[in-house]
Amino acid sequence: RTVPLASHSTTKSKLRRIVVNPKHEEGDMEVLCLGEKLCQFVRVYKLDEKRDPDDSDSGPKFVDRTMSTFEHTKVVQKAFHCATFTSDGVGFIGTDTGDVYVSRSASFVRSIAAHKNRAVTAIVARTDGGFVSGGKDGTIKFFPPPSLPSADEDKDNDDDDDAAKYKHEFSVKLSSLKSGSTLRAPQSMAIHGDEVVLSTNGHEVYAVDVPSHELSLVTTGHSQQVWGVAVHPSETIAVTGAHDKMLRAWDWTKHELVRHAQLDGKIRAIDCSPDGSKLAVAFQDGQVAVVDFATFEVLRSRKVAKETIDALQWNPKDGSTIAAGSWDQNIYILDASDDGELATVHKLGGHTSSVLMVQFDSSGEFLMSNSKDYQILHWHVGEGRRVVRPAEVCDLEYDRWNCFLGWPVQGIWSDVSDGTDINSVSSNASKDLLALGDDFGHVRLLAYPSVYPKQPYRSYNGHSSHVTAVRFAPSGNVLFSAGGADTSVLQWNVVA
């Protein structure tokens, strides 16, 4: 049983950050608690060194006390976002108004204007006694060691001349690199050698080389749930789309972002045309767009349904049509020709719940669909009708399988599954492996077809949230998975 050494009540509102002062008396610990209208120093110290050996909670007892709580008397801060300490115990505290408060011995000593009227969201102390700050303005500023009043001077007596002379050494704007993200508020920073490394609320990592003042993008990603994954049929490019409205293309051999574009809505599904020249993109608001693969230019778009479109596939025969399954329980067959303007060729109705998955057969003449209430329906695409005779569809071949219901995947469900655990399914090109993503953050690999009850599988961890999509590359030796709340895209190597 884990027993806390000490506990301390700070505020009923959100506590944003806890920072430990590295300089403290032996056996004690000074903690700075930050939050909404909260900047409070707390000291935790040992009450006694020995304990009753019969006491199950062995070890020294700790108690805590509030050392001080302060705000700058001239400005009432709505929140304190970040803090850091030098090795000498001097603290730098980021405020909501863009100022950096300087503390010593749990007391306020001066204020520094760092980011004008924009919150300071990340800060780190330099080894020379200065600091680096990052604000919501997307700017990183490097400050030298500030001058501090002596212990017997009035801490509230600001030296205006000194404040006017104290300036940052240089600054770097994150917007100078086109990463595709519109969110560039730093969230955390660290110093590593001659570099300052920082992360942003746009899920990017940057590095600043201090001697040259050069900014580089280490990695980038989506900032909201990722639902769309598509793989080019011949190039080593995977495309992802997310609720952050960003469409991103990744070269999986170089592990780098190739291009990006911000579209008009939250992306729910993506599919690549058979020749690889275009992408079909489905949105949460029921819109479908056709995008040029090479440039990410939107060629045409149309609001097809009144509700979310979660299922999307291009006709594999000639790419002349696109099937889009919606939460409104209908499937829309769209004209995907260059002059078709995504007109609805057929509206297929028959499901009694939201359509979650669709897949064409190899001939492009038939379509299979799965719905939220576990229906499996088949359709004749050209005639726009539902197939009711099993003999018409029992021998159909599929180039890829991406439905979670059907004869080849009946073994993927466990005895305890409630029918909503599996979010995405993908077979490889040689049709001997099946990958699936579930609600528990697992990517599973099974034999295809999986027709036996409790089909053996291998499970792999990597996501910290539900897995929303899985897709094999055409070669079959690379698999991509997308996460929901963790907003991540993982690349897996498939080995024998």
Protein backbone atom coordinates (compact mmCIF):
# COMPACT_ATOMS: atom_id res chain seq x y z
CA ARG A 1 0.00 0.00 0.00
CA THR A 2 1.33 3.39 -1.04
CA VAL A 3 1.03 6.05 1.65
CA PRO A 4 1.65 9.75 0.89
CA LEU A 5 4.44 11.34 2.91
CA ALA A 6 2.51 14.58 3.08
CA SER A 7 -0.52 16.24 1.50
CA HIS A 8 -1.37 19.90 1.08
CA SER A 9 -4.56 21.70 0.10
CA THR A 10 -3.88 24.55 -2.31
CA THR A 11 -6.97 25.58 -4.28
CA LYS A 12 -10.36 24.33 -5.38
CA SER A 13 -9.68 25.38 -8.96
CA LYS A 14 -7.36 23.69 -11.45
CA LEU A 15 -3.78 23.14 -10.29
CA ARG A 16 -1.66 23.59 -13.41
CA ARG A 17 1.86 22.72 -12.34
CA ILE A 18 4.09 21.73 -9.43
CA VAL A 19 7.79 22.70 -9.51
CA VAL A 20 10.45 21.67 -6.99
CA ASN A 21 13.19 24.12 -5.99
CA PRO A 22 16.54 22.30 -6.32
CA LYS A 23 18.07 24.42 -3.55
CA HIS A 24 16.75 23.50 -0.12
CA GLU A 25 17.95 22.45 3.29
CA GLU A 26 18.88 18.82 3.72
CA GLY A 27 15.81 16.71 4.37
CA ASP A 28 13.43 19.47 3.33
CA MET A 29 11.75 20.17 0.00
CA GLU A 30 10.42 23.45 -1.34
CA VAL A 31 7.53 23.11 -3.79
CA LEU A 32 5.95 25.82 -5.93
CA CYS A 33 2.28 25.23 -6.77
CA LEU A 34 0.82 27.07 -9.77
CA GLY A 35 -2.75 27.38 -10.96
CA GLU A 36 -5.63 29.73 -11.48
CA LYS A 37 -4.86 32.80 -9.33
CA LEU A 38 -2.46 30.59 -7.42
CA CYS A 39 1.29 30.95 -6.90
CA GLN A 40 2.07 29.28 -3.59
CA PHE A 41 5.33 28.11 -2.04
CA VAL A 42 5.07 25.07 0.19
CA ARG A 43 7.85 23.51 2.26
CA VAL A 44 7.74 19.84 3.13
CA TYR A 45 10.13 18.86 5.92
CA LYS A 46 10.85 15.90 8.19
CA LEU A 47 9.15 15.89 11.56
CA ASP A 48 11.31 13.13 13.01
CA GLU A 49 13.98 10.77 11.80
CA LYS A 50 12.86 7.56 13.51
CA ARG A 51 9.61 5.68 13.55
CA ASP A 52 8.11 2.90 15.62
CA PRO A 53 9.38 -0.33 14.06
CA ASP A 54 5.92 -1.83 14.67
CA ASP A 55 4.35 0.96 12.59
CA SER A 56 3.38 -0.42 9.18
CA ASP A 57 3.99 2.99 7.61
CA SER A 58 7.72 2.91 8.29
CA GLY A 59 9.98 5.85 7.51
CA PRO A 60 10.19 9.45 8.70
CA LYS A 61 7.02 11.51 8.93
CA PHE A 62 6.70 14.61 6.80
CA VAL A 63 4.60 17.69 7.38
CA ASP A 64 4.04 20.73 5.21
CA ARG A 65 3.43 24.41 5.68
CA THR A 66 2.72 27.29 3.38
CA MET A 67 5.75 29.54 3.14
CA SER A 68 4.16 32.32 1.12
CA THR A 69 1.50 33.11 -1.44
CA PHE A 70 2.06 36.09 -3.62
CA GLU A 71 0.86 37.95 -6.64
CA HIS A 72 2.36 41.10 -8.05
CA THR A 73 0.63 43.97 -6.32
CA LYS A 74 0.25 45.96 -9.55
CA VAL A 75 -1.50 43.26 -11.63
CA VAL A 76 -3.98 40.59 -10.63
CA GLN A 77 -3.04 37.45 -12.52
CA LYS A 78 -5.76 35.10 -13.75
CA ALA A 79 -3.32 32.21 -13.82
CA PHE A 80 0.29 31.18 -13.41
CA HIS A 81 1.33 28.69 -16.10
CA CYS A 82 4.95 27.64 -15.58
CA ALA A 83 8.02 28.07 -13.43
CA THR A 84 11.68 27.09 -13.22
CA PHE A 85 14.52 27.45 -10.72
CA THR A 86 18.23 28.06 -11.10
CA SER A 87 20.67 25.95 -9.13
CA ASP A 88 20.93 28.87 -6.67
CA GLY A 89 17.19 28.75 -5.97
CA VAL A 90 16.17 31.82 -7.95
CA GLY A 91 12.72 31.21 -9.44
CA PHE A 92 11.25 32.44 -12.73
CA ILE A 93 7.46 32.26 -12.88
CA GLY A 94 5.40 32.67 -16.07
CA THR A 95 2.21 34.71 -15.75
CA ASP A 96 -0.98 35.16 -17.75
CA THR A 97 -0.11 38.75 -18.71
CA GLY A 98 3.24 37.88 -20.30
CA ASP A 99 5.39 38.94 -17.38
CA VAL A 100 7.97 36.74 -15.68
CA TYR A 101 8.06 37.07 -11.91
CA VAL A 102 11.40 36.50 -10.21
CA SER A 103 11.45 34.96 -6.73
CA ARG A 104 14.07 34.28 -4.09
CA SER A 105 13.55 32.53 -0.77
CA ALA A 106 9.85 32.17 -1.56
CA SER A 107 9.44 35.93 -1.99
CA PHE A 108 8.80 38.16 -4.98
CA VAL A 109 11.81 40.31 -5.96
CA ARG A 110 11.04 41.75 -9.41
CA SER A 111 8.96 41.51 -12.58
CA ILE A 112 10.27 41.19 -16.15
CA ALA A 113 8.22 42.11 -19.22
CA ALA A 114 8.75 39.10 -21.48
CA HIS A 115 5.77 38.51 -23.80
CA LYS A 116 3.53 41.54 -24.11
CA ASN A 117 -0.05 40.72 -23.08
CA ARG A 118 0.39 37.05 -24.05
CA ALA A 119 0.69 34.32 -21.45
CA VAL A 120 4.07 32.78 -20.70
CA THR A 121 3.38 29.05 -21.16
CA ALA A 122 6.86 27.50 -20.87
CA ILE A 123 10.11 28.51 -19.19
CA VAL A 124 13.48 26.94 -18.40
CA ALA A 125 16.47 28.23 -16.42
CA ARG A 126 19.87 28.55 -18.05
CA THR A 127 23.06 27.43 -16.36
CA ASP A 128 24.39 31.02 -16.33
CA GLY A 129 21.44 32.23 -14.24
CA GLY A 130 19.34 33.50 -17.12
CA PHE A 131 16.24 31.88 -18.57
CA VAL A 132 14.41 31.03 -21.79
CA SER A 133 10.69 31.75 -22.05
CA GLY A 134 8.00 30.83 -24.54
CA GLY A 135 4.63 32.53 -24.88
CA LYS A 136 1.29 32.19 -26.59
CA ASP A 137 2.61 34.66 -29.15
CA GLY A 138 4.67 31.77 -30.54
CA THR A 139 7.96 33.46 -29.66
CA ILE A 140 10.92 32.00 -27.78
CA LYS A 141 13.03 34.59 -25.94
CA PHE A 142 16.48 34.20 -24.39
CA PHE A 143 17.18 36.37 -21.33
CA PRO A 144 20.51 36.94 -19.55
CA PRO A 145 20.81 36.72 -15.73
CA PRO A 146 18.70 39.53 -14.23
CA SER A 147 20.00 41.85 -11.53
CA LEU A 148 18.41 41.17 -8.15
CA PRO A 149 18.10 43.49 -5.15
CA SER A 150 20.06 42.61 -2.05
CA ALA A 151 18.25 41.01 0.86
CA ASP A 152 17.91 44.32 2.76
CA GLU A 153 16.49 46.25 -0.21
CA ASP A 154 12.78 46.80 -0.70
CA LYS A 155 11.62 44.02 -3.02
CA ASP A 156 8.66 46.09 -4.24
CA ASN A 157 10.84 49.04 -5.21
CA ASP A 158 11.34 48.40 -8.92
CA ASP A 159 14.33 50.05 -10.51
CA ASP A 160 12.77 51.50 -13.66
CA ASP A 161 16.15 52.30 -15.20
CA ASP A 162 17.36 48.74 -14.70
CA ALA A 163 14.09 47.38 -16.09
CA ALA A 164 14.47 49.51 -19.20
CA LYS A 165 18.02 48.27 -19.76
CA TYR A 166 17.18 44.60 -19.17
CA LYS A 167 16.30 43.11 -22.56
CA HIS A 168 16.29 39.67 -24.05
CA GLU A 169 19.40 38.67 -25.99
CA PHE A 170 17.52 37.30 -29.01
CA SER A 171 14.20 35.76 -29.93
CA VAL A 172 12.92 33.13 -32.36
CA LYS A 173 9.45 32.97 -33.92
CA LEU A 174 8.03 29.47 -34.39
CA SER A 175 5.92 30.73 -37.31
CA SER A 176 9.12 31.12 -39.35
CA LEU A 177 8.87 27.39 -40.12
CA LYS A 178 5.81 26.24 -42.07
CA SER A 179 4.81 23.12 -40.17
CA GLY A 180 1.12 23.17 -40.96
CA SER A 181 -0.01 23.78 -37.40
CA THR A 182 -1.75 26.95 -36.30
CA LEU A 183 -1.15 26.12 -32.62
CA ARG A 184 2.31 27.22 -31.56
CA ALA A 185 2.17 27.95 -27.84
CA PRO A 186 5.14 26.20 -26.16
CA GLN A 187 4.13 23.70 -23.48
CA SER A 188 7.49 22.54 -22.14
CA MET A 189 11.17 23.31 -22.67
CA ALA A 190 14.50 21.71 -21.85
CA ILE A 191 18.14 22.59 -22.46
CA HIS A 192 20.37 19.97 -24.01
CA GLY A 193 23.92 21.12 -24.67
CA ASP A 194 23.78 24.08 -27.04
CA GLU A 195 20.15 23.42 -27.93
CA VAL A 196 16.84 24.38 -26.41
CA VAL A 197 14.21 21.76 -27.21
CA LEU A 198 10.53 22.61 -26.84
CA SER A 199 7.11 21.13 -27.49
CA THR A 200 3.95 23.03 -28.47
CA ASN A 201 0.21 22.61 -28.08
CA GLY A 202 0.19 21.83 -31.81
CA HIS A 203 2.00 18.55 -31.05
CA GLU A 204 5.27 19.73 -32.56
CA VAL A 205 8.82 19.54 -31.25
CA TYR A 206 11.30 22.29 -32.17
CA ALA A 207 14.99 22.79 -31.45
CA VAL A 208 16.83 26.12 -31.23
CA ASP A 209 20.58 26.08 -31.74
CA VAL A 210 21.71 28.79 -29.32
CA PRO A 211 25.06 29.77 -30.94
CA SER A 212 23.54 30.20 -34.43
CA HIS A 213 20.01 31.19 -33.33
CA GLU A 214 18.68 28.68 -35.89
CA LEU A 215 15.28 27.05 -35.45
CA SER A 216 14.58 23.53 -36.70
CA LEU A 217 11.49 21.32 -36.64
CA VAL A 218 12.26 17.97 -35.00
CA THR A 219 8.86 16.36 -35.49
CA THR A 220 5.25 17.30 -36.07
CA GLY A 221 1.89 15.63 -35.82
CA HIS A 222 -1.84 16.06 -35.44
CA SER A 223 -3.30 17.98 -32.52
CA GLN A 224 -6.68 16.24 -32.40
CA GLN A 225 -8.07 12.75 -32.96
CA VAL A 226 -6.79 11.01 -36.09
CA TRP A 227 -9.44 9.02 -37.98
CA GLY A 228 -8.30 8.87 -41.59
CA VAL A 229 -5.36 6.81 -42.90
CA ALA A 230 -4.69 6.01 -46.56
CA VAL A 231 -1.65 4.57 -48.33
CA HIS A 232 -0.57 5.38 -51.88
CA PRO A 233 -0.72 2.34 -54.20
CA SER A 234 2.84 2.74 -55.55
CA GLU A 235 4.70 5.51 -53.66
CA THR A 236 6.06 5.22 -50.12
CA ILE A 237 3.57 7.81 -48.88
CA ALA A 238 0.92 7.48 -46.17
CA VAL A 239 -1.73 10.18 -45.73
CA THR A 240 -3.48 10.96 -42.45
CA GLY A 241 -6.41 13.20 -41.58
CA ALA A 242 -7.72 14.32 -38.21
CA HIS A 243 -10.22 16.44 -36.36
CA ASP A 244 -7.69 19.29 -36.46
CA LYS A 245 -8.72 19.61 -40.15
CA MET A 246 -5.17 18.84 -41.25
CA LEU A 247 -4.32 16.51 -44.11
CA ARG A 248 -0.71 15.31 -43.88
CA ALA A 249 1.44 13.17 -46.18
CA TRP A 250 4.34 11.20 -44.70
CA ASP A 251 7.25 9.48 -46.42
CA TRP A 252 7.55 6.32 -44.39
CA THR A 253 11.08 5.53 -45.59
CA LYS A 254 12.43 8.92 -44.51
CA HIS A 255 10.05 9.30 -41.56
CA GLU A 256 9.27 12.89 -42.44
CA LEU A 257 6.35 15.11 -43.37
CA VAL A 258 6.18 15.65 -47.12
CA ARG A 259 3.26 18.08 -47.43
CA HIS A 260 0.20 19.25 -45.57
CA ALA A 261 -2.96 21.25 -46.04
CA GLN A 262 -5.72 22.56 -43.83
CA LEU A 263 -9.17 21.62 -45.11
CA ASP A 264 -12.61 22.93 -44.20
CA GLY A 265 -13.77 20.39 -41.64
CA LYS A 266 -12.98 17.60 -39.22
CA ILE A 267 -11.68 14.66 -41.25
CA ARG A 268 -13.20 11.23 -40.61
CA ALA A 269 -12.01 9.03 -43.49
CA ILE A 270 -9.56 9.02 -46.43
CA ASP A 271 -9.06 6.76 -49.43
CA CYS A 272 -6.66 6.89 -52.38
CA SER A 273 -7.82 6.50 -55.98
CA PRO A 274 -6.69 3.33 -57.81
CA ASP A 275 -4.16 5.27 -59.92
CA GLY A 276 -2.90 7.25 -56.90
CA SER A 277 -3.59 10.65 -58.45
CA LYS A 278 -6.36 11.73 -56.08
CA LEU A 279 -7.64 11.38 -52.53
CA ALA A 280 -11.23 11.15 -51.36
CA VAL A 281 -11.78 12.81 -47.99
CA ALA A 282 -14.89 12.50 -45.81
CA PHE A 283 -15.82 14.96 -43.08
CA GLN A 284 -17.78 15.01 -39.86
CA ASP A 285 -20.33 17.45 -41.31
CA GLY A 286 -21.27 15.07 -44.17
CA GLN A 287 -19.05 16.67 -46.79
CA VAL A 288 -16.91 14.73 -49.29
CA ALA A 289 -13.95 16.27 -51.15
CA VAL A 290 -11.65 15.10 -53.92
CA VAL A 291 -8.08 16.30 -53.39
CA ASP A 292 -5.12 16.23 -55.78
CA PHE A 293 -2.58 13.85 -54.28
CA ALA A 294 0.52 15.73 -55.49
CA THR A 295 -0.53 19.20 -54.29
CA PHE A 296 -3.37 18.63 -51.79
CA GLU A 297 -5.43 21.11 -53.77
CA VAL A 298 -9.17 20.56 -53.32
CA LEU A 299 -10.47 19.79 -56.81
CA ARG A 300 -14.13 19.56 -55.87
CA SER A 301 -16.25 19.12 -52.77
CA ARG A 302 -19.87 18.65 -51.93
CA LYS A 303 -22.03 18.23 -48.84
CA VAL A 304 -23.41 14.76 -49.48
CA ALA A 305 -25.17 13.89 -46.21
CA LYS A 306 -26.63 15.72 -43.25
CA GLU A 307 -24.65 13.60 -40.79
CA THR A 308 -21.08 12.33 -40.39
CA ILE A 309 -19.55 10.16 -43.11
CA ASP A 310 -17.39 7.47 -41.51
CA ALA A 311 -17.03 4.97 -44.38
CA LEU A 312 -15.32 5.80 -47.65
CA GLN A 313 -13.86 3.79 -50.53
CA TRP A 314 -12.95 4.43 -54.13
CA ASN A 315 -14.18 1.96 -56.74
CA PRO A 316 -11.11 -0.24 -57.40
CA LYS A 317 -12.08 -1.09 -61.00
CA ASP A 318 -11.76 2.29 -62.68
CA GLY A 319 -12.11 4.93 -59.96
CA SER A 320 -15.29 6.23 -61.56
CA THR A 321 -17.32 6.18 -58.35
CA ILE A 322 -16.86 6.63 -54.61
CA ALA A 323 -18.94 4.93 -51.93
CA ALA A 324 -19.64 7.02 -48.82
CA GLY A 325 -21.44 5.56 -45.78
CA SER A 326 -23.09 7.99 -43.38
CA TRP A 327 -24.50 8.09 -39.88
CA ASP A 328 -27.85 8.89 -41.55
CA GLN A 329 -28.01 5.13 -42.37
CA ASN A 330 -27.54 5.67 -46.11
CA ILE A 331 -24.74 4.90 -48.55
CA TYR A 332 -24.07 7.41 -51.32
CA ILE A 333 -22.55 6.32 -54.63
CA LEU A 334 -20.86 9.45 -55.99
CA ASP A 335 -19.72 10.28 -59.50
CA ALA A 336 -15.94 10.67 -59.16
CA SER A 337 -15.21 11.51 -62.82
CA ASP A 338 -13.43 14.77 -63.59
CA ASP A 339 -16.68 16.45 -64.64
CA GLY A 340 -18.95 14.58 -62.25
CA GLU A 341 -18.94 17.19 -59.42
CA LEU A 342 -19.47 14.32 -56.96
CA ALA A 343 -23.13 14.03 -57.93
CA THR A 344 -25.07 11.26 -56.20
CA VAL A 345 -25.55 8.41 -58.66
CA HIS A 346 -27.40 6.19 -56.19
CA LYS A 347 -28.61 6.62 -52.62
CA LEU A 348 -28.67 3.18 -51.04
CA GLY A 349 -31.05 2.84 -48.10
CA GLY A 350 -31.64 -0.24 -45.98
CA HIS A 351 -29.51 0.01 -42.89
CA THR A 352 -31.24 0.64 -39.58
CA SER A 353 -28.25 2.32 -37.92
CA SER A 354 -25.14 4.32 -38.80
CA VAL A 355 -23.01 2.93 -41.63
CA LEU A 356 -19.49 2.40 -40.36
CA MET A 357 -17.67 0.46 -43.11
CA VAL A 358 -17.98 -0.16 -46.85
CA GLN A 359 -15.89 -2.14 -49.31
CA PHE A 360 -16.11 -2.81 -53.05
CA ASP A 361 -15.49 -6.24 -54.47
CA SER A 362 -12.64 -6.61 -56.98
CA SER A 363 -14.93 -6.10 -59.99
CA GLY A 364 -16.30 -2.85 -58.62
CA GLU A 365 -19.85 -4.01 -59.32
CA PHE A 366 -20.82 -4.99 -55.78
CA LEU A 367 -20.50 -3.28 -52.42
CA MET A 368 -20.57 -4.70 -48.89
CA SER A 369 -21.45 -2.57 -45.84
CA ASN A 370 -21.47 -2.89 -42.04
CA SER A 371 -23.55 -0.80 -39.66
CA LYS A 372 -23.47 0.07 -35.99
CA ASP A 373 -26.25 -2.42 -35.21
CA TYR A 374 -24.19 -5.29 -36.75
CA GLN A 375 -25.96 -5.53 -40.10
CA ILE A 376 -24.18 -6.92 -43.13
CA LEU A 377 -25.74 -5.76 -46.40
CA HIS A 378 -24.70 -6.20 -50.04
CA TRP A 379 -25.47 -3.90 -52.94
CA HIS A 380 -25.31 -3.96 -56.71
CA VAL A 381 -23.59 -0.66 -57.44
CA GLY A 382 -24.48 -0.25 -61.10
CA GLU A 383 -28.17 -0.98 -60.58
CA GLY A 384 -28.38 0.82 -57.25
CA ARG A 385 -30.21 -2.00 -55.50
CA ARG A 386 -29.82 -4.14 -52.41
CA VAL A 387 -28.81 -7.76 -53.04
CA VAL A 388 -31.15 -10.15 -51.24
CA ARG A 389 -30.10 -13.42 -52.88
CA PRO A 390 -26.95 -14.87 -51.22
CA ALA A 391 -26.05 -16.69 -54.43
CA GLU A 392 -25.21 -13.33 -56.05
CA VAL A 393 -22.51 -12.46 -53.56
CA CYS A 394 -21.29 -15.69 -51.95
CA ASP A 395 -18.29 -16.04 -54.28
CA LEU A 396 -17.20 -12.42 -54.50
CA GLU A 397 -13.48 -11.61 -54.30
CA TYR A 398 -12.13 -8.56 -52.50
CA ASP A 399 -8.75 -6.92 -53.17
CA ARG A 400 -8.69 -5.77 -49.56
CA TRP A 401 -10.88 -6.46 -46.59
CA ASN A 402 -11.75 -3.60 -44.24
CA CYS A 403 -15.12 -4.60 -42.74
CA PHE A 404 -15.29 -5.90 -39.18
CA LEU A 405 -18.25 -8.18 -39.96
CA GLY A 406 -18.24 -10.96 -42.52
CA TRP A 407 -17.26 -14.56 -43.02
CA PRO A 408 -13.44 -14.00 -43.26
CA VAL A 409 -13.36 -12.06 -39.96
CA GLN A 410 -15.83 -13.94 -37.78
CA GLY A 411 -12.99 -15.09 -35.51
CA ILE A 412 -11.80 -11.60 -34.51
CA TRP A 413 -14.47 -11.16 -31.83
CA SER A 414 -13.93 -12.41 -28.29
CA ASP A 415 -16.56 -13.85 -25.97
CA VAL A 416 -16.59 -10.72 -23.83
CA SER A 417 -16.75 -8.23 -26.68
CA ASP A 418 -19.77 -5.93 -26.76
CA GLY A 419 -19.53 -5.43 -30.52
CA THR A 420 -18.06 -1.93 -30.35
CA ASP A 421 -14.49 -2.83 -29.32
CA ILE A 422 -13.03 -3.06 -32.83
CA ASN A 423 -12.75 0.20 -34.75
CA SER A 424 -10.79 -0.70 -37.87
CA VAL A 425 -9.75 -3.75 -39.90
CA SER A 426 -7.28 -4.12 -42.76
CA SER A 427 -6.00 -7.12 -44.72
CA ASN A 428 -2.63 -7.07 -46.47
CA ALA A 429 -2.22 -7.30 -50.24
CA SER A 430 -1.34 -10.99 -50.22
CA LYS A 431 -4.43 -11.64 -48.07
CA ASP A 432 -2.74 -13.82 -45.48
CA LEU A 433 -2.61 -11.27 -42.60
CA LEU A 434 -5.27 -9.19 -40.93
CA ALA A 435 -4.67 -6.18 -38.68
CA LEU A 436 -7.21 -4.58 -36.40
CA GLY A 437 -7.32 -1.69 -33.94
CA ASP A 438 -9.46 -1.77 -30.80
CA ASP A 439 -10.73 0.42 -28.00
CA PHE A 440 -7.98 -0.68 -25.62
CA GLY A 441 -5.06 0.84 -27.54
CA HIS A 442 -4.02 -2.50 -29.04
CA VAL A 443 -3.03 -3.30 -32.60
CA ARG A 444 -3.68 -6.97 -33.25
CA LEU A 445 -2.29 -9.20 -35.98
CA LEU A 446 -4.14 -12.35 -37.07
CA ALA A 447 -4.11 -14.86 -39.89
CA TYR A 448 -6.45 -14.05 -42.76
CA PRO A 449 -9.06 -15.36 -43.10
CA SER A 450 -9.89 -15.51 -39.38
CA VAL A 451 -12.80 -17.91 -39.25
CA TYR A 452 -12.26 -19.91 -36.06
CA PRO A 453 -13.72 -18.97 -32.68
CA LYS A 454 -11.09 -17.36 -30.45
CA GLN A 455 -8.71 -17.07 -33.38
CA PRO A 456 -5.08 -16.84 -32.10
CA TYR A 457 -3.54 -13.41 -32.47
CA ARG A 458 -0.61 -11.26 -31.45
CA SER A 459 -1.28 -7.99 -29.68
CA TYR A 460 1.00 -4.96 -29.79
CA ASN A 461 0.99 -1.89 -27.56
CA GLY A 462 1.97 1.62 -28.54
CA HIS A 463 -1.17 3.72 -28.39
CA SER A 464 -2.40 5.20 -25.13
CA SER A 465 -5.95 5.53 -26.41
CA HIS A 466 -8.40 3.77 -28.73
CA VAL A 467 -6.99 2.86 -32.14
CA THR A 468 -9.16 4.49 -34.80
CA ALA A 469 -7.62 3.18 -38.04
CA VAL A 470 -5.17 0.57 -39.36
CA ARG A 471 -3.90 0.24 -42.94
CA PHE A 472 -1.31 -1.98 -44.61
CA ALA A 473 1.08 -0.59 -47.19
CA PRO A 474 0.84 -2.33 -50.61
CA SER A 475 4.09 -4.19 -49.89
CA GLY A 476 2.51 -5.73 -46.79
CA ASN A 477 5.62 -5.29 -44.65
CA VAL A 478 4.55 -1.91 -43.23
CA LEU A 479 1.43 -1.16 -41.22
CA PHE A 480 0.07 2.20 -40.06
CA SER A 481 -2.20 2.80 -37.09
CA ALA A 482 -3.88 5.97 -35.88
CA GLY A 483 -4.89 6.91 -32.35
CA GLY A 484 -7.86 8.78 -31.01
CA ALA A 485 -7.17 10.79 -27.88
CA ASP A 486 -3.40 10.24 -28.17
CA THR A 487 -3.54 11.89 -31.66
CA SER A 488 -0.61 9.75 -32.83
CA VAL A 489 0.24 7.88 -36.02
CA LEU A 490 2.44 4.80 -35.59
CA GLN A 491 4.41 2.93 -38.25
CA TRP A 492 4.93 -0.78 -37.70
CA ASN A 493 7.31 -3.12 -39.51
CA VAL A 494 5.77 -6.52 -40.18
CA VAL A 495 8.41 -9.23 -39.76
CA ALA A 496 8.17 -12.98 -40.13
